[in-house]
């Protein structure tokens, strides 16, 4: 979503039964691959709240790094970025 100037923000949600099985990490990694190869994007940005450690872990495992703190719906959050390179 919010695709502009070679950048986009991926969004994801995994069903409770699939949690802890690597499904979210695999999905985010695939989105990163497609963002580069199919869409020619150069950066992805993701936002999550600090009270969602599972999402923070998924983003870190997919290669995102914390870029800044922010507030999301009144809750402390983190903006992550991932520079993309063509394979």
PDB file of N, CA and C in Angstrom:
ATOM      1  N   UNK A   1       0.832  -1.183   0.000  1.00  0.00           N
ATOM      2  CA  UNK A   1       0.000   0.000   0.000  1.00  0.00           C
ATOM      3  C   UNK A   1       0.871   1.239   0.000  1.00  0.00           C
ATOM      4  N   UNK A   2       0.314   2.369  -0.269  1.00  0.00           N
ATOM      5  CA  UNK A   2       1.037   3.642  -0.287  1.00  0.00           C
ATOM      6  C   UNK A   2       2.291   3.575  -1.154  1.00  0.00           C
ATOM      7  N   UNK A   3       2.147   3.105  -2.380  1.00  0.00           N
ATOM      8  CA  UNK A   3       3.275   3.024  -3.301  1.00  0.00           C
ATOM      9  C   UNK A   3       3.540   4.405  -3.881  1.00  0.00           C
ATOM     10  N   UNK A   4       4.784   4.885  -3.711  1.00  0.00           N
ATOM     11  CA  UNK A   4       5.170   6.188  -4.262  1.00  0.00           C
ATOM     12  C   UNK A   4       6.681   6.303  -4.292  1.00  0.00           C
ATOM     13  N   UNK A   5       7.201   6.855  -5.363  1.00  0.00           N
ATOM     14  CA  UNK A   5       8.631   7.141  -5.484  1.00  0.00           C
ATOM     15  C   UNK A   5       9.514   5.928  -5.195  1.00  0.00           C
ATOM     16  N   UNK A   6       9.116   4.760  -5.683  1.00  0.00           N
ATOM     17  CA  UNK A   6       9.927   3.554  -5.511  1.00  0.00           C
ATOM     18  C   UNK A   6       9.847   2.926  -4.144  1.00  0.00           C
ATOM     19  N   UNK A   7       8.887   3.348  -3.343  1.00  0.00           N
ATOM     20  CA  UNK A   7       8.743   2.832  -1.989  1.00  0.00           C
ATOM     21  C   UNK A   7       7.300   2.400  -1.754  1.00  0.00           C
ATOM     22  N   UNK A   8       7.118   1.477  -0.819  1.00  0.00           N
ATOM     23  CA  UNK A   8       5.776   1.023  -0.456  1.00  0.00           C
ATOM     24  C   UNK A   8       5.781   0.530   0.985  1.00  0.00           C
ATOM     25  N   UNK A   9       4.578   0.366   1.516  1.00  0.00           N
ATOM     26  CA  UNK A   9       4.425  -0.147   2.869  1.00  0.00           C
ATOM     27  C   UNK A   9       3.634  -1.453   2.822  1.00  0.00           C
ATOM     28  N   UNK A  10       4.297  -2.583   3.099  1.00  0.00           N
ATOM     29  CA  UNK A  10       3.559  -3.850   3.102  1.00  0.00           C
ATOM     30  C   UNK A  10       2.720  -3.976   4.376  1.00  0.00           C
ATOM     31  N   UNK A  11       1.621  -4.674   4.262  1.00  0.00           N
ATOM     32  CA  UNK A  11       0.800  -4.978   5.416  1.00  0.00           C
ATOM     33  C   UNK A  11       0.547  -6.476   5.446  1.00  0.00           C
ATOM     34  N   UNK A  12       0.411  -7.030   6.615  1.00  0.00           N
ATOM     35  CA  UNK A  12       0.174  -8.469   6.715  1.00  0.00           C
ATOM     36  C   UNK A  12      -0.535  -8.787   8.022  1.00  0.00           C
ATOM     37  N   UNK A  13      -1.235  -9.890   8.002  1.00  0.00           N
ATOM     38  CA  UNK A  13      -1.877 -10.417   9.207  1.00  0.00           C
ATOM     39  C   UNK A  13      -1.954 -11.928   9.015  1.00  0.00           C
ATOM     40  N   UNK A  14      -1.575 -12.650  10.029  1.00  0.00           N
ATOM     41  CA  UNK A  14      -1.559 -14.113   9.972  1.00  0.00           C
ATOM     42  C   UNK A  14      -2.565 -14.642  10.985  1.00  0.00           C
ATOM     43  N   UNK A  15      -3.328 -15.641  10.582  1.00  0.00           N
ATOM     44  CA  UNK A  15      -4.307 -16.253  11.470  1.00  0.00           C
ATOM     45  C   UNK A  15      -3.656 -16.890  12.686  1.00  0.00           C
ATOM     46  N   UNK A  16      -4.373 -16.912  13.779  1.00  0.00           N
ATOM     47  CA  UNK A  16      -3.854 -17.401  15.049  1.00  0.00           C
ATOM     48  C   UNK A  16      -3.265 -18.817  14.945  1.00  0.00           C
ATOM     49  N   UNK A  17      -3.912 -19.690  14.197  1.00  0.00           N
ATOM     50  CA  UNK A  17      -3.419 -21.069  14.061  1.00  0.00           C
ATOM     51  C   UNK A  17      -2.053 -21.159  13.395  1.00  0.00           C
ATOM     52  N   UNK A  18      -1.719 -20.172  12.558  1.00  0.00           N
ATOM     53  CA  UNK A  18      -0.449 -20.187  11.831  1.00  0.00           C
ATOM     54  C   UNK A  18       0.673 -19.484  12.592  1.00  0.00           C
ATOM     55  N   UNK A  19       0.355 -18.825  13.691  1.00  0.00           N
ATOM     56  CA  UNK A  19       1.362 -18.086  14.455  1.00  0.00           C
ATOM     57  C   UNK A  19       2.458 -19.015  14.967  1.00  0.00           C
ATOM     58  N   UNK A  20       3.684 -18.516  14.922  1.00  0.00           N
ATOM     59  CA  UNK A  20       4.817 -19.266  15.444  1.00  0.00           C
ATOM     60  C   UNK A  20       5.337 -20.340  14.523  1.00  0.00           C
ATOM     61  N   UNK A  21       4.868 -20.375  13.296  1.00  0.00           N
ATOM     62  CA  UNK A  21       5.285 -21.412  12.345  1.00  0.00           C
ATOM     63  C   UNK A  21       6.122 -20.862  11.196  1.00  0.00           C
ATOM     64  N   UNK A  22       6.469 -19.584  11.241  1.00  0.00           N
ATOM     65  CA  UNK A  22       7.282 -18.994  10.190  1.00  0.00           C
ATOM     66  C   UNK A  22       6.506 -18.526   8.977  1.00  0.00           C
ATOM     67  N   UNK A  23       5.181 -18.613   9.036  1.00  0.00           N
ATOM     68  CA  UNK A  23       4.348 -18.230   7.892  1.00  0.00           C
ATOM     69  C   UNK A  23       4.471 -16.735   7.604  1.00  0.00           C
ATOM     70  N   UNK A  24       4.395 -15.901   8.639  1.00  0.00           N
ATOM     71  CA  UNK A  24       4.479 -14.453   8.439  1.00  0.00           C
ATOM     72  C   UNK A  24       5.851 -14.063   7.898  1.00  0.00           C
ATOM     73  N   UNK A  25       6.903 -14.640   8.451  1.00  0.00           N
ATOM     74  CA  UNK A  25       8.251 -14.320   7.981  1.00  0.00           C
ATOM     75  C   UNK A  25       8.414 -14.710   6.519  1.00  0.00           C
ATOM     76  N   UNK A  26       7.958 -15.902   6.160  1.00  0.00           N
ATOM     77  CA  UNK A  26       8.057 -16.349   4.762  1.00  0.00           C
ATOM     78  C   UNK A  26       7.256 -15.434   3.840  1.00  0.00           C
ATOM     79  N   UNK A  27       6.078 -15.026   4.279  1.00  0.00           N
ATOM     80  CA  UNK A  27       5.233 -14.157   3.459  1.00  0.00           C
ATOM     81  C   UNK A  27       5.878 -12.785   3.265  1.00  0.00           C
ATOM     82  N   UNK A  28       6.422 -12.217   4.330  1.00  0.00           N
ATOM     83  CA  UNK A  28       7.059 -10.898   4.223  1.00  0.00           C
ATOM     84  C   UNK A  28       8.301 -10.992   3.336  1.00  0.00           C
ATOM     85  N   UNK A  29       9.074 -12.044   3.479  1.00  0.00           N
ATOM     86  CA  UNK A  29      10.250 -12.217   2.606  1.00  0.00           C
ATOM     87  C   UNK A  29       9.836 -12.321   1.138  1.00  0.00           C
ATOM     88  N   UNK A  30       8.743 -13.020   0.863  1.00  0.00           N
ATOM     89  CA  UNK A  30       8.262 -13.145  -0.513  1.00  0.00           C
ATOM     90  C   UNK A  30       7.779 -11.792  -1.044  1.00  0.00           C
ATOM     91  N   UNK A  31       7.096 -11.026  -0.218  1.00  0.00           N
ATOM     92  CA  UNK A  31       6.669  -9.690  -0.619  1.00  0.00           C
ATOM     93  C   UNK A  31       7.887  -8.825  -0.940  1.00  0.00           C
ATOM     94  N   UNK A  32       8.936  -8.942  -0.143  1.00  0.00           N
ATOM     95  CA  UNK A  32      10.174  -8.180  -0.399  1.00  0.00           C
ATOM     96  C   UNK A  32      10.772  -8.583  -1.743  1.00  0.00           C
ATOM     97  N   UNK A  33      10.787  -9.867  -2.019  1.00  0.00           N
ATOM     98  CA  UNK A  33      11.330 -10.344  -3.292  1.00  0.00           C
ATOM     99  C   UNK A  33      10.510  -9.806  -4.461  1.00  0.00           C
ATOM    100  N   UNK A  34       9.196  -9.900  -4.355  1.00  0.00           N
ATOM    101  CA  UNK A  34       8.319  -9.397  -5.414  1.00  0.00           C
ATOM    102  C   UNK A  34       8.416  -7.882  -5.566  1.00  0.00           C
ATOM    103  N   UNK A  35       8.574  -7.186  -4.464  1.00  0.00           N
ATOM    104  CA  UNK A  35       8.690  -5.728  -4.519  1.00  0.00           C
ATOM    105  C   UNK A  35       9.860  -5.317  -5.394  1.00  0.00           C
ATOM    106  N   UNK A  36      10.926  -6.102  -5.334  1.00  0.00           N
ATOM    107  CA  UNK A  36      12.113  -5.806  -6.127  1.00  0.00           C
ATOM    108  C   UNK A  36      11.975  -6.309  -7.556  1.00  0.00           C
ATOM    109  N   UNK A  37      11.666  -7.588  -7.703  1.00  0.00           N
ATOM    110  CA  UNK A  37      11.701  -8.213  -9.027  1.00  0.00           C
ATOM    111  C   UNK A  37      10.505  -7.871  -9.900  1.00  0.00           C
ATOM    112  N   UNK A  38       9.322  -7.829  -9.322  1.00  0.00           N
ATOM    113  CA  UNK A  38       8.119  -7.603 -10.127  1.00  0.00           C
ATOM    114  C   UNK A  38       7.713  -6.129 -10.205  1.00  0.00           C
ATOM    115  N   UNK A  39       8.032  -5.368  -9.171  1.00  0.00           N
ATOM    116  CA  UNK A  39       7.543  -4.001  -9.109  1.00  0.00           C
ATOM    117  C   UNK A  39       8.650  -2.949  -9.153  1.00  0.00           C
ATOM    118  N   UNK A  40       9.903  -3.363  -9.078  1.00  0.00           N
ATOM    119  CA  UNK A  40      11.019  -2.431  -9.185  1.00  0.00           C
ATOM    120  C   UNK A  40      11.116  -1.423  -8.059  1.00  0.00           C
ATOM    121  N   UNK A  41      10.611  -1.768  -6.892  1.00  0.00           N
ATOM    122  CA  UNK A  41      10.693  -0.859  -5.751  1.00  0.00           C
ATOM    123  C   UNK A  41      12.105  -0.854  -5.177  1.00  0.00           C
ATOM    124  N   UNK A  42      12.456   0.213  -4.502  1.00  0.00           N
ATOM    125  CA  UNK A  42      13.799   0.322  -3.937  1.00  0.00           C
ATOM    126  C   UNK A  42      13.802   0.355  -2.412  1.00  0.00           C
ATOM    127  N   UNK A  43      12.649   0.590  -1.803  1.00  0.00           N
ATOM    128  CA  UNK A  43      12.568   0.644  -0.343  1.00  0.00           C
ATOM    129  C   UNK A  43      11.195   0.175   0.115  1.00  0.00           C
ATOM    130  N   UNK A  44      11.180  -0.541   1.229  1.00  0.00           N
ATOM    131  CA  UNK A  44       9.927  -0.864   1.905  1.00  0.00           C
ATOM    132  C   UNK A  44       9.975  -0.259   3.297  1.00  0.00           C
ATOM    133  N   UNK A  45       8.835   0.196   3.764  1.00  0.00           N
ATOM    134  CA  UNK A  45       8.701   0.759   5.107  1.00  0.00           C
ATOM    135  C   UNK A  45       7.544   0.035   5.787  1.00  0.00           C
ATOM    136  N   UNK A  46       7.736  -0.325   7.044  1.00  0.00           N
ATOM    137  CA  UNK A  46       6.680  -1.012   7.794  1.00  0.00           C
ATOM    138  C   UNK A  46       6.560  -0.364   9.171  1.00  0.00           C
ATOM    139  N   UNK A  47       5.355  -0.366   9.706  1.00  0.00           N
ATOM    140  CA  UNK A  47       5.083   0.229  11.018  1.00  0.00           C
ATOM    141  C   UNK A  47       4.371  -0.797  11.874  1.00  0.00           C
ATOM    142  N   UNK A  48       4.774  -0.884  13.128  1.00  0.00           N
ATOM    143  CA  UNK A  48       4.069  -1.730  14.087  1.00  0.00           C
ATOM    144  C   UNK A  48       4.135  -1.082  15.459  1.00  0.00           C
ATOM    145  N   UNK A  49       3.275  -1.520  16.339  1.00  0.00           N
ATOM    146  CA  UNK A  49       3.289  -0.986  17.703  1.00  0.00           C
ATOM    147  C   UNK A  49       4.252  -1.795  18.555  1.00  0.00           C
ATOM    148  N   UNK A  50       4.747  -1.147  19.592  1.00  0.00           N
ATOM    149  CA  UNK A  50       5.711  -1.817  20.485  1.00  0.00           C
ATOM    150  C   UNK A  50       5.062  -2.946  21.285  1.00  0.00           C
ATOM    151  N   UNK A  51       3.741  -2.952  21.383  1.00  0.00           N
ATOM    152  CA  UNK A  51       3.072  -4.031  22.103  1.00  0.00           C
ATOM    153  C   UNK A  51       2.779  -5.223  21.175  1.00  0.00           C
ATOM    154  N   UNK A  52       3.448  -5.270  20.033  1.00  0.00           N
ATOM    155  CA  UNK A  52       3.320  -6.375  19.088  1.00  0.00           C
ATOM    156  C   UNK A  52       4.709  -6.950  18.787  1.00  0.00           C
ATOM    157  N   UNK A  53       5.309  -7.616  19.778  1.00  0.00           N
ATOM    158  CA  UNK A  53       6.670  -8.132  19.596  1.00  0.00           C
ATOM    159  C   UNK A  53       6.779  -9.170  18.485  1.00  0.00           C
ATOM    160  N   UNK A  54       5.697  -9.898  18.213  1.00  0.00           N
ATOM    161  CA  UNK A  54       5.746 -10.895  17.136  1.00  0.00           C
ATOM    162  C   UNK A  54       5.948 -10.210  15.784  1.00  0.00           C
ATOM    163  N   UNK A  55       5.235  -9.130  15.544  1.00  0.00           N
ATOM    164  CA  UNK A  55       5.384  -8.406  14.285  1.00  0.00           C
ATOM    165  C   UNK A  55       6.767  -7.769  14.193  1.00  0.00           C
ATOM    166  N   UNK A  56       7.257  -7.246  15.293  1.00  0.00           N
ATOM    167  CA  UNK A  56       8.605  -6.667  15.306  1.00  0.00           C
ATOM    168  C   UNK A  56       9.640  -7.738  14.953  1.00  0.00           C
ATOM    169  N   UNK A  57       9.467  -8.944  15.478  1.00  0.00           N
ATOM    170  CA  UNK A  57      10.402 -10.030  15.194  1.00  0.00           C
ATOM    171  C   UNK A  57      10.334 -10.449  13.730  1.00  0.00           C
ATOM    172  N   UNK A  58       9.133 -10.519  13.168  1.00  0.00           N
ATOM    173  CA  UNK A  58       8.972 -10.864  11.754  1.00  0.00           C
ATOM    174  C   UNK A  58       9.730  -9.867  10.889  1.00  0.00           C
ATOM    175  N   UNK A  59       9.556  -8.590  11.160  1.00  0.00           N
ATOM    176  CA  UNK A  59      10.226  -7.561  10.365  1.00  0.00           C
ATOM    177  C   UNK A  59      11.748  -7.669  10.484  1.00  0.00           C
ATOM    178  N   UNK A  60      12.246  -7.876  11.690  1.00  0.00           N
ATOM    179  CA  UNK A  60      13.707  -8.034  11.869  1.00  0.00           C
ATOM    180  C   UNK A  60      14.217  -9.254  11.122  1.00  0.00           C
ATOM    181  N   UNK A  61      13.504 -10.372  11.210  1.00  0.00           N
ATOM    182  CA  UNK A  61      13.939 -11.599  10.510  1.00  0.00           C
ATOM    183  C   UNK A  61      13.926 -11.409   8.996  1.00  0.00           C
ATOM    184  N   UNK A  62      13.048 -10.551   8.506  1.00  0.00           N
ATOM    185  CA  UNK A  62      12.967 -10.295   7.064  1.00  0.00           C
ATOM    186  C   UNK A  62      14.001  -9.254   6.611  1.00  0.00           C
ATOM    187  N   UNK A  63      14.773  -8.714   7.558  1.00  0.00           N
ATOM    188  CA  UNK A  63      15.840  -7.794   7.198  1.00  0.00           C
ATOM    189  C   UNK A  63      15.556  -6.323   7.430  1.00  0.00           C
ATOM    190  N   UNK A  64      14.382  -5.987   7.922  1.00  0.00           N
ATOM    191  CA  UNK A  64      14.051  -4.599   8.215  1.00  0.00           C
ATOM    192  C   UNK A  64      14.843  -4.132   9.439  1.00  0.00           C
ATOM    193  N   UNK A  65      15.151  -2.850   9.477  1.00  0.00           N
ATOM    194  CA  UNK A  65      15.796  -2.262  10.647  1.00  0.00           C
ATOM    195  C   UNK A  65      14.942  -1.126  11.183  1.00  0.00           C
ATOM    196  N   UNK A  66      14.966  -0.964  12.503  1.00  0.00           N
ATOM    197  CA  UNK A  66      14.209   0.111  13.141  1.00  0.00           C
ATOM    198  C   UNK A  66      14.776   1.449  12.690  1.00  0.00           C
ATOM    199  N   UNK A  67      13.894   2.345  12.247  1.00  0.00           N
ATOM    200  CA  UNK A  67      14.339   3.632  11.733  1.00  0.00           C
ATOM    201  C   UNK A  67      13.928   4.792  12.630  1.00  0.00           C
ATOM    202  N   UNK A  68      12.746   4.705  13.233  1.00  0.00           N
ATOM    203  CA  UNK A  68      12.288   5.797  14.087  1.00  0.00           C
ATOM    204  C   UNK A  68      11.126   5.344  14.959  1.00  0.00           C
ATOM    205  N   UNK A  69      10.945   6.064  16.046  1.00  0.00           N
ATOM    206  CA  UNK A  69       9.797   5.839  16.916  1.00  0.00           C
ATOM    207  C   UNK A  69       8.655   6.722  16.436  1.00  0.00           C
ATOM    208  N   UNK A  70       7.440   6.288  16.695  1.00  0.00           N
ATOM    209  CA  UNK A  70       6.268   7.070  16.344  1.00  0.00           C
ATOM    210  C   UNK A  70       5.101   6.605  17.193  1.00  0.00           C
ATOM    211  N   UNK A  71       3.970   7.257  17.029  1.00  0.00           N
ATOM    212  CA  UNK A  71       2.752   6.889  17.749  1.00  0.00           C
ATOM    213  C   UNK A  71       1.745   6.371  16.734  1.00  0.00           C
ATOM    214  N   UNK A  72       1.174   5.187  17.021  1.00  0.00           N
ATOM    215  CA  UNK A  72       0.197   4.553  16.143  1.00  0.00           C
ATOM    216  C   UNK A  72      -1.102   4.394  16.934  1.00  0.00           C
ATOM    217  N   UNK A  73      -2.120   5.131  16.539  1.00  0.00           N
ATOM    218  CA  UNK A  73      -3.405   5.075  17.243  1.00  0.00           C
ATOM    219  C   UNK A  73      -3.235   5.277  18.749  1.00  0.00           C
ATOM    220  N   UNK A  74      -2.381   6.220  19.124  1.00  0.00           N
ATOM    221  CA  UNK A  74      -2.174   6.537  20.530  1.00  0.00           C
ATOM    222  C   UNK A  74      -1.223   5.612  21.264  1.00  0.00           C
ATOM    223  N   UNK A  75      -0.629   4.655  20.556  1.00  0.00           N
ATOM    224  CA  UNK A  75       0.275   3.688  21.179  1.00  0.00           C
ATOM    225  C   UNK A  75       1.688   3.869  20.628  1.00  0.00           C
ATOM    226  N   UNK A  76       2.718   3.634  21.452  1.00  0.00           N
ATOM    227  CA  UNK A  76       4.090   3.728  20.974  1.00  0.00           C
ATOM    228  C   UNK A  76       4.334   2.705  19.862  1.00  0.00           C
ATOM    229  N   UNK A  77       5.026   3.151  18.834  1.00  0.00           N
ATOM    230  CA  UNK A  77       5.302   2.276  17.709  1.00  0.00           C
ATOM    231  C   UNK A  77       6.690   2.493  17.153  1.00  0.00           C
ATOM    232  N   UNK A  78       7.016   1.708  16.143  1.00  0.00           N
ATOM    233  CA  UNK A  78       8.320   1.769  15.488  1.00  0.00           C
ATOM    234  C   UNK A  78       8.108   1.713  13.981  1.00  0.00           C
ATOM    235  N   UNK A  79       8.844   2.561  13.267  1.00  0.00           N
ATOM    236  CA  UNK A  79       8.868   2.512  11.805  1.00  0.00           C
ATOM    237  C   UNK A  79      10.144   1.754  11.417  1.00  0.00           C
ATOM    238  N   UNK A  80       9.975   0.754  10.569  1.00  0.00           N
ATOM    239  CA  UNK A  80      11.088  -0.047  10.066  1.00  0.00           C
ATOM    240  C   UNK A  80      11.288   0.241   8.582  1.00  0.00           C
ATOM    241  N   UNK A  81      12.526   0.127   8.118  1.00  0.00           N
ATOM    242  CA  UNK A  81      12.794   0.287   6.686  1.00  0.00           C
ATOM    243  C   UNK A  81      13.654  -0.872   6.193  1.00  0.00           C
ATOM    244  N   UNK A  82      13.524  -1.115   4.899  1.00  0.00           N
ATOM    245  CA  UNK A  82      14.326  -2.131   4.241  1.00  0.00           C
ATOM    246  C   UNK A  82      14.698  -1.621   2.863  1.00  0.00           C
ATOM    247  N   UNK A  83      15.985  -1.295   2.644  1.00  0.00           N
ATOM    248  CA  UNK A  83      16.413  -0.962   1.291  1.00  0.00           C
ATOM    249  C   UNK A  83      16.432  -2.250   0.457  1.00  0.00           C
ATOM    250  N   UNK A  84      15.925  -2.184  -0.746  1.00  0.00           N
ATOM    251  CA  UNK A  84      15.853  -3.360  -1.611  1.00  0.00           C
ATOM    252  C   UNK A  84      16.936  -3.272  -2.678  1.00  0.00           C
ATOM    253  N   UNK A  85      17.496  -4.426  -3.014  1.00  0.00           N
ATOM    254  CA  UNK A  85      18.476  -4.487  -4.095  1.00  0.00           C
ATOM    255  C   UNK A  85      18.040  -5.547  -5.091  1.00  0.00           C
ATOM    256  N   UNK A  86      18.260  -5.295  -6.340  1.00  0.00           N
ATOM    257  CA  UNK A  86      17.903  -6.271  -7.371  1.00  0.00           C
ATOM    258  C   UNK A  86      18.784  -7.503  -7.228  1.00  0.00           C
ATOM    259  N   UNK A  87      18.172  -8.657  -7.361  1.00  0.00           N
ATOM    260  CA  UNK A  87      18.921  -9.911  -7.229  1.00  0.00           C
ATOM    261  C   UNK A  87      19.635 -10.224  -8.518  1.00  0.00           C
TER     262      UNK A  87
END
